């Protein structure tokens, strides 16, 4: 991750924070539109789930400057997701829903550079989670 990408992600996320509940609702609506089968993973209060999602994104965004400290938490999250039945294909769907949500939330501020920075961040985090999920799979079997 380049410092400029980190700065773009952090600055753009600060713009989303005041509308976090709305952004979370947009994200889940888009996620379930892209893959209705994912709705089965979420049985609780979706407003609370949205708050958890936004808190997790906020923690990840804040931790980008200290990625070595962030990676263990991301790996643990990936290992847990495998136990929930999450597949590798789901990460692409989540990424698409996230980018769509950011585009809607940021409007014209969602420039190609901001989009590219978010793609870099999400790719790094998703790939870290996938690797952890793969590593945990034999232990779960």
Protein backbone atom coordinates (compact mmCIF):
# COMPACT_ATOMS: atom_id res chain seq x y z
CA UNK A 1 0.00 0.00 0.00
CA UNK A 2 1.27 3.40 -0.95
CA UNK A 3 0.90 6.29 1.51
CA UNK A 4 -1.13 8.21 -1.09
CA UNK A 5 -3.63 5.33 -1.37
CA UNK A 6 -3.93 5.13 2.40
CA UNK A 7 -4.57 8.87 2.58
CA UNK A 8 -7.27 8.67 -0.12
CA UNK A 9 -9.04 5.79 1.62
CA UNK A 10 -8.90 7.45 5.01
CA UNK A 11 -10.08 10.84 3.71
CA UNK A 12 -12.93 9.34 1.70
CA UNK A 13 -14.06 7.15 4.58
CA UNK A 14 -14.20 10.21 6.85
CA UNK A 15 -16.76 11.60 4.39
CA UNK A 16 -18.86 8.43 4.72
CA UNK A 17 -18.82 8.31 8.54
CA UNK A 18 -21.56 10.95 9.04
CA UNK A 19 -23.83 8.78 6.85
CA UNK A 20 -22.62 5.43 8.18
CA UNK A 21 -26.07 3.96 8.88
CA UNK A 22 -27.30 4.93 5.42
CA UNK A 23 -24.12 3.59 3.80
CA UNK A 24 -24.47 0.29 5.66
CA UNK A 25 -28.11 -0.04 4.54
CA UNK A 26 -27.07 0.68 0.94
CA UNK A 27 -24.27 -1.88 1.20
CA UNK A 28 -26.49 -4.71 2.42
CA UNK A 29 -29.27 -3.89 -0.06
CA UNK A 30 -26.74 -4.05 -2.89
CA UNK A 31 -25.08 -7.18 -1.50
CA UNK A 32 -28.41 -9.04 -1.36
CA UNK A 33 -29.32 -7.74 -4.81
CA UNK A 34 -26.07 -9.12 -6.23
CA UNK A 35 -26.41 -12.46 -4.41
CA UNK A 36 -29.72 -13.10 -2.64
CA UNK A 37 -28.33 -16.30 -1.10
CA UNK A 38 -26.10 -14.17 1.15
CA UNK A 39 -29.14 -12.99 3.11
CA UNK A 40 -29.10 -16.37 4.91
CA UNK A 41 -25.81 -15.41 6.60
CA UNK A 42 -27.52 -12.53 8.43
CA UNK A 43 -30.22 -13.52 10.87
CA UNK A 44 -30.09 -10.67 13.36
CA UNK A 45 -30.94 -6.99 13.42
CA UNK A 46 -29.56 -5.55 10.18
CA UNK A 47 -29.20 -2.05 11.65
CA UNK A 48 -26.91 -3.47 14.32
CA UNK A 49 -25.12 -5.58 11.71
CA UNK A 50 -24.57 -2.43 9.66
CA UNK A 51 -23.06 -0.68 12.65
CA UNK A 52 -20.71 -3.62 13.20
CA UNK A 53 -19.73 -3.51 9.53
CA UNK A 54 -18.99 0.20 9.64
CA UNK A 55 -17.01 -0.20 12.88
CA UNK A 56 -14.96 -2.98 11.30
CA UNK A 57 -14.28 -0.89 8.20
CA UNK A 58 -13.36 2.09 10.39
CA UNK A 59 -10.88 -0.04 12.35
CA UNK A 60 -9.34 -1.41 9.16
CA UNK A 61 -9.09 2.04 7.57
CA UNK A 62 -7.51 3.48 10.72
CA UNK A 63 -5.04 0.60 10.85
CA UNK A 64 -3.77 0.94 7.30
CA UNK A 65 -0.77 2.98 8.39
CA UNK A 66 0.28 0.10 10.65
CA UNK A 67 -0.61 -2.77 8.35
CA UNK A 68 1.64 -5.25 10.18
CA UNK A 69 -0.45 -4.75 13.32
CA UNK A 70 -3.71 -5.01 11.33
CA UNK A 71 -2.93 -8.24 9.48
CA UNK A 72 -3.31 -10.64 12.46
CA UNK A 73 -6.84 -9.34 13.14
CA UNK A 74 -7.73 -9.60 9.44
CA UNK A 75 -6.36 -13.16 9.31
CA UNK A 76 -8.42 -14.13 12.36
CA UNK A 77 -11.52 -12.65 10.77
CA UNK A 78 -10.87 -14.62 7.58
CA UNK A 79 -10.42 -17.86 9.49
CA UNK A 80 -13.74 -17.28 11.29
CA UNK A 81 -15.56 -16.49 8.07
CA UNK A 82 -14.72 -19.92 6.69
CA UNK A 83 -16.55 -21.42 9.64
CA UNK A 84 -19.63 -19.39 8.73
CA UNK A 85 -19.75 -20.93 5.26
CA UNK A 86 -18.26 -17.96 3.41
CA UNK A 87 -16.69 -18.97 0.11
CA UNK A 88 -13.94 -17.26 -1.85
CA UNK A 89 -16.49 -16.12 -4.44
CA UNK A 90 -18.32 -14.15 -1.77
CA UNK A 91 -15.35 -11.80 -1.39
CA UNK A 92 -15.77 -10.55 -4.96
CA UNK A 93 -19.46 -9.90 -4.35
CA UNK A 94 -18.72 -8.04 -1.12
CA UNK A 95 -16.07 -5.99 -2.91
CA UNK A 96 -18.50 -5.06 -5.68
CA UNK A 97 -21.14 -4.04 -3.12
CA UNK A 98 -18.58 -2.01 -1.18
CA UNK A 99 -17.37 -0.09 -4.23
CA UNK A 100 -20.96 0.56 -5.35
CA UNK A 101 -21.82 1.83 -1.86
CA UNK A 102 -18.82 4.14 -1.78
CA UNK A 103 -19.71 5.49 -5.20
CA UNK A 104 -23.27 6.23 -4.04
CA UNK A 105 -22.15 7.72 -0.71
CA UNK A 106 -19.36 9.88 -2.12
CA UNK A 107 -20.90 10.93 -5.42
CA UNK A 108 -18.44 13.01 -7.47
CA UNK A 109 -15.83 12.64 -4.72
CA UNK A 110 -15.53 8.97 -5.72
CA UNK A 111 -12.86 9.74 -8.30
CA UNK A 112 -10.92 7.11 -10.25
CA UNK A 113 -8.01 7.62 -7.83
CA UNK A 114 -10.24 7.06 -4.80
CA UNK A 115 -11.77 3.99 -6.44
CA UNK A 116 -8.32 2.61 -7.23
CA UNK A 117 -7.17 3.15 -3.65
CA UNK A 118 -10.21 1.32 -2.28
CA UNK A 119 -9.67 -1.53 -4.75
CA UNK A 120 -6.08 -1.84 -3.50
CA UNK A 121 -7.13 -1.83 0.14
CA UNK A 122 -10.01 -4.24 -0.32
CA UNK A 123 -7.88 -6.59 -2.44
CA UNK A 124 -5.18 -6.70 0.21
CA UNK A 125 -7.63 -7.32 3.04
CA UNK A 126 -9.77 -9.83 1.13
CA UNK A 127 -6.74 -11.79 -0.07
CA UNK A 128 -5.39 -11.88 3.50
CA UNK A 129 -8.74 -13.22 4.72
CA UNK A 130 -8.91 -15.79 1.92
CA UNK A 131 -5.41 -17.06 2.70
CA UNK A 132 -6.32 -17.40 6.38
CA UNK A 133 -9.55 -19.16 5.48
CA UNK A 134 -7.64 -21.63 3.30
CA UNK A 135 -5.10 -22.24 6.06
CA UNK A 136 -7.85 -22.84 8.61
CA UNK A 137 -9.89 -25.17 6.36
CA UNK A 138 -7.79 -28.35 6.95
CA UNK A 139 -7.95 -27.78 10.71
CA UNK A 140 -11.73 -27.53 10.54
CA UNK A 141 -12.10 -30.72 8.54
